[in-house]
């Protein structure tokens, strides 16, 4: 097996539902234009940080010196039918976003991604540069997920997975390892 296959297999073993690999080149002009227009329209609301570090957001190689590859992982958060029914049966009077039915996803995704990063380092080189990103770095993660083959961006500006729909959390590992 190739290193790419080994990394994908390890990601699935760690509990991610999908994984893709892309290069660390800047995102394409269409995605840059779409993100710029979205920001210009004020759709970021109170998330002023979206305006900062725009060049890093569109160019993953600026996040890590010598970056060559981005590994994108996805985790499905659609609740099982029985959990949805239990929430409905509880007599709640409002609607809750499905991702809010779970604990904060950042810590458990980072924990899994650290294990994946350790695997990459052991398989490639202990001096491999790696940066783990789970909403913690300026990165156009949806555009990278598209380029890594995980889905497409819908009219709602979220990644739509052909398998899981729009209900996925994304994480990225930017690395100096050159992968196909």
Protein backbone atom coordinates (compact mmCIF):
# COMPACT_ATOMS: atom_id res chain seq x y z
CA UNK A 1 0.00 0.00 0.00
CA UNK A 2 1.04 3.63 -0.48
CA UNK A 3 1.51 6.20 2.25
CA UNK A 4 -1.63 7.95 0.99
CA UNK A 5 -3.65 4.73 1.38
CA UNK A 6 -2.15 4.10 4.82
CA UNK A 7 -3.07 7.61 5.97
CA UNK A 8 -6.63 7.27 4.70
CA UNK A 9 -7.01 3.86 6.34
CA UNK A 10 -5.66 5.19 9.65
CA UNK A 11 -8.07 8.16 9.53
CA UNK A 12 -11.00 5.79 9.08
CA UNK A 13 -9.72 3.55 11.90
CA UNK A 14 -9.59 6.64 14.16
CA UNK A 15 -13.30 7.21 13.53
CA UNK A 16 -13.37 9.78 10.75
CA UNK A 17 -16.05 9.12 8.17
CA UNK A 18 -14.19 10.48 5.15
CA UNK A 19 -10.68 11.63 4.29
CA UNK A 20 -9.17 13.26 1.23
CA UNK A 21 -5.77 14.59 0.26
CA UNK A 22 -4.92 17.69 -1.76
CA UNK A 23 -1.92 19.89 -2.34
CA UNK A 24 -1.15 23.02 -0.31
CA UNK A 25 -1.50 25.36 -3.28
CA UNK A 26 -3.78 28.40 -2.96
CA UNK A 27 -7.49 27.74 -3.46
CA UNK A 28 -8.78 28.43 -6.94
CA UNK A 29 -9.98 31.84 -8.10
CA UNK A 30 -13.67 30.84 -8.07
CA UNK A 31 -13.52 29.94 -4.38
CA UNK A 32 -11.56 33.12 -3.58
CA UNK A 33 -14.17 35.20 -5.41
CA UNK A 34 -17.03 33.41 -3.65
CA UNK A 35 -15.44 33.87 -0.21
CA UNK A 36 -14.65 37.53 -0.91
CA UNK A 37 -18.22 38.22 -2.02
CA UNK A 38 -19.61 36.39 1.02
CA UNK A 39 -17.49 38.53 3.34
CA UNK A 40 -18.30 41.74 1.44
CA UNK A 41 -22.03 41.06 1.87
CA UNK A 42 -21.54 40.87 5.63
CA UNK A 43 -22.59 37.23 5.86
CA UNK A 44 -19.84 36.57 8.43
CA UNK A 45 -21.97 38.52 10.90
CA UNK A 46 -20.11 39.01 14.17
CA UNK A 47 -17.27 36.70 13.11
CA UNK A 48 -14.87 39.56 12.38
CA UNK A 49 -11.95 37.12 12.48
CA UNK A 50 -13.08 35.89 9.05
CA UNK A 51 -11.76 39.16 7.58
CA UNK A 52 -8.31 38.77 9.18
CA UNK A 53 -5.46 36.83 7.60
CA UNK A 54 -7.27 36.53 4.28
CA UNK A 55 -4.07 35.58 2.42
CA UNK A 56 -3.46 32.71 4.85
CA UNK A 57 -7.10 31.65 4.57
CA UNK A 58 -6.79 31.16 0.81
CA UNK A 59 -3.24 29.77 0.79
CA UNK A 60 -2.56 26.86 3.18
CA UNK A 61 1.17 26.98 2.46
CA UNK A 62 1.29 30.26 4.40
CA UNK A 63 0.20 28.45 7.57
CA UNK A 64 3.24 26.17 7.67
CA UNK A 65 6.63 26.83 6.13
CA UNK A 66 7.36 24.23 3.48
CA UNK A 67 3.77 22.95 3.39
CA UNK A 68 3.11 20.68 0.45
CA UNK A 69 -0.07 18.76 1.30
CA UNK A 70 -3.38 19.16 3.13
CA UNK A 71 -5.17 16.12 4.53
CA UNK A 72 -8.87 16.86 5.05
CA UNK A 73 -10.99 14.73 7.36
CA UNK A 74 -14.75 14.76 7.81
CA UNK A 75 -16.87 13.53 10.67
CA UNK A 76 -20.59 12.96 10.21
CA UNK A 77 -22.68 14.52 12.96
CA UNK A 78 -26.15 13.54 11.81
CA UNK A 79 -27.77 11.98 14.88
CA UNK A 80 -29.20 8.50 14.70
CA UNK A 81 -32.98 8.43 14.27
CA UNK A 82 -33.53 7.22 17.83
CA UNK A 83 -31.61 10.21 19.26
CA UNK A 84 -33.64 12.64 17.13
CA UNK A 85 -36.88 11.02 18.29
CA UNK A 86 -35.76 11.17 21.93
CA UNK A 87 -35.15 14.91 21.65
CA UNK A 88 -38.52 15.42 19.93
CA UNK A 89 -40.30 13.26 22.53
CA UNK A 90 -38.80 15.29 25.37
CA UNK A 91 -41.32 17.98 24.51
CA UNK A 92 -38.85 20.70 23.64
CA UNK A 93 -40.53 23.78 22.29
CA UNK A 94 -37.72 24.98 20.04
CA UNK A 95 -35.44 23.68 17.36
CA UNK A 96 -31.82 22.91 18.09
CA UNK A 97 -29.09 22.61 15.49
CA UNK A 98 -28.18 18.96 15.11
CA UNK A 99 -24.51 19.56 15.85
CA UNK A 100 -25.57 21.07 19.20
CA UNK A 101 -26.89 17.67 20.32
CA UNK A 102 -23.28 16.68 21.00
CA UNK A 103 -20.39 17.92 23.10
CA UNK A 104 -18.05 20.48 21.54
CA UNK A 105 -16.46 18.71 18.57
CA UNK A 106 -13.16 20.63 18.61
CA UNK A 107 -11.48 18.67 21.45
CA UNK A 108 -12.37 15.18 20.26
CA UNK A 109 -11.52 15.97 16.63
CA UNK A 110 -8.16 17.43 17.67
CA UNK A 111 -7.43 14.33 19.77
CA UNK A 112 -8.09 12.04 16.79
CA UNK A 113 -6.17 14.32 14.46
CA UNK A 114 -3.15 14.32 16.81
CA UNK A 115 -3.14 10.53 16.58
CA UNK A 116 -3.30 10.77 12.79
CA UNK A 117 -0.45 13.32 12.82
CA UNK A 118 1.65 10.97 14.99
CA UNK A 119 0.98 8.18 12.50
CA UNK A 120 2.06 10.40 9.59
CA UNK A 121 5.20 11.46 11.40
CA UNK A 122 6.11 7.84 12.20
CA UNK A 123 5.42 6.70 8.63
CA UNK A 124 7.17 9.61 6.90
CA UNK A 125 9.82 11.32 9.03
CA UNK A 126 9.94 12.38 12.66
CA UNK A 127 10.92 15.91 11.50
CA UNK A 128 7.82 16.22 9.34
CA UNK A 129 6.12 19.60 9.75
CA UNK A 130 2.44 19.33 10.66
CA UNK A 131 -0.27 21.82 11.60
CA UNK A 132 -3.63 20.59 12.84
CA UNK A 133 -6.61 22.84 12.06
CA UNK A 134 -10.12 22.48 13.47
CA UNK A 135 -11.61 25.94 13.07
CA UNK A 136 -8.46 27.18 14.80
CA UNK A 137 -6.59 28.61 11.83
CA UNK A 138 -7.54 30.90 8.98
CA UNK A 139 -8.23 28.30 6.32
CA UNK A 140 -10.81 28.00 3.55
CA UNK A 141 -11.59 24.48 4.71
CA UNK A 142 -14.64 23.89 2.53
CA UNK A 143 -12.76 24.81 -0.64
CA UNK A 144 -9.97 22.44 0.39
CA UNK A 145 -12.49 19.70 1.16
CA UNK A 146 -13.92 20.10 -2.35
CA UNK A 147 -10.44 19.90 -3.87
CA UNK A 148 -9.72 16.79 -1.74
CA UNK A 149 -12.81 15.13 -3.22
CA UNK A 150 -15.07 15.14 -0.16
CA UNK A 151 -18.04 16.93 -1.71
CA UNK A 152 -19.21 20.25 -3.12
CA UNK A 153 -20.23 23.60 -1.69
CA UNK A 154 -23.98 24.13 -1.76
CA UNK A 155 -26.05 27.29 -2.02
CA UNK A 156 -26.02 27.37 1.79
CA UNK A 157 -22.20 27.76 1.63
CA UNK A 158 -21.59 24.50 3.47
CA UNK A 159 -19.82 21.41 2.23
CA UNK A 160 -22.29 18.83 0.97
CA UNK A 161 -20.95 15.29 1.23
CA UNK A 162 -22.50 12.91 -1.31
CA UNK A 163 -22.71 10.32 1.49
CA UNK A 164 -23.51 12.36 4.62
CA UNK A 165 -25.10 15.51 3.25
CA UNK A 166 -24.24 18.85 4.88
CA UNK A 167 -23.85 17.43 8.38
CA UNK A 168 -20.08 17.02 8.64
CA UNK A 169 -17.39 18.58 10.78
CA UNK A 170 -14.15 19.28 8.93
CA UNK A 171 -10.55 19.22 10.07
CA UNK A 172 -7.27 19.61 8.24
CA UNK A 173 -3.65 18.62 8.68
CA UNK A 174 -1.29 20.84 6.72
CA UNK A 175 2.01 19.02 6.28
CA UNK A 176 5.41 19.24 4.66
CA UNK A 177 5.07 15.64 3.40
CA UNK A 178 4.48 15.46 -0.35
CA UNK A 179 1.49 13.20 -0.99
CA UNK A 180 -0.45 12.42 -4.17
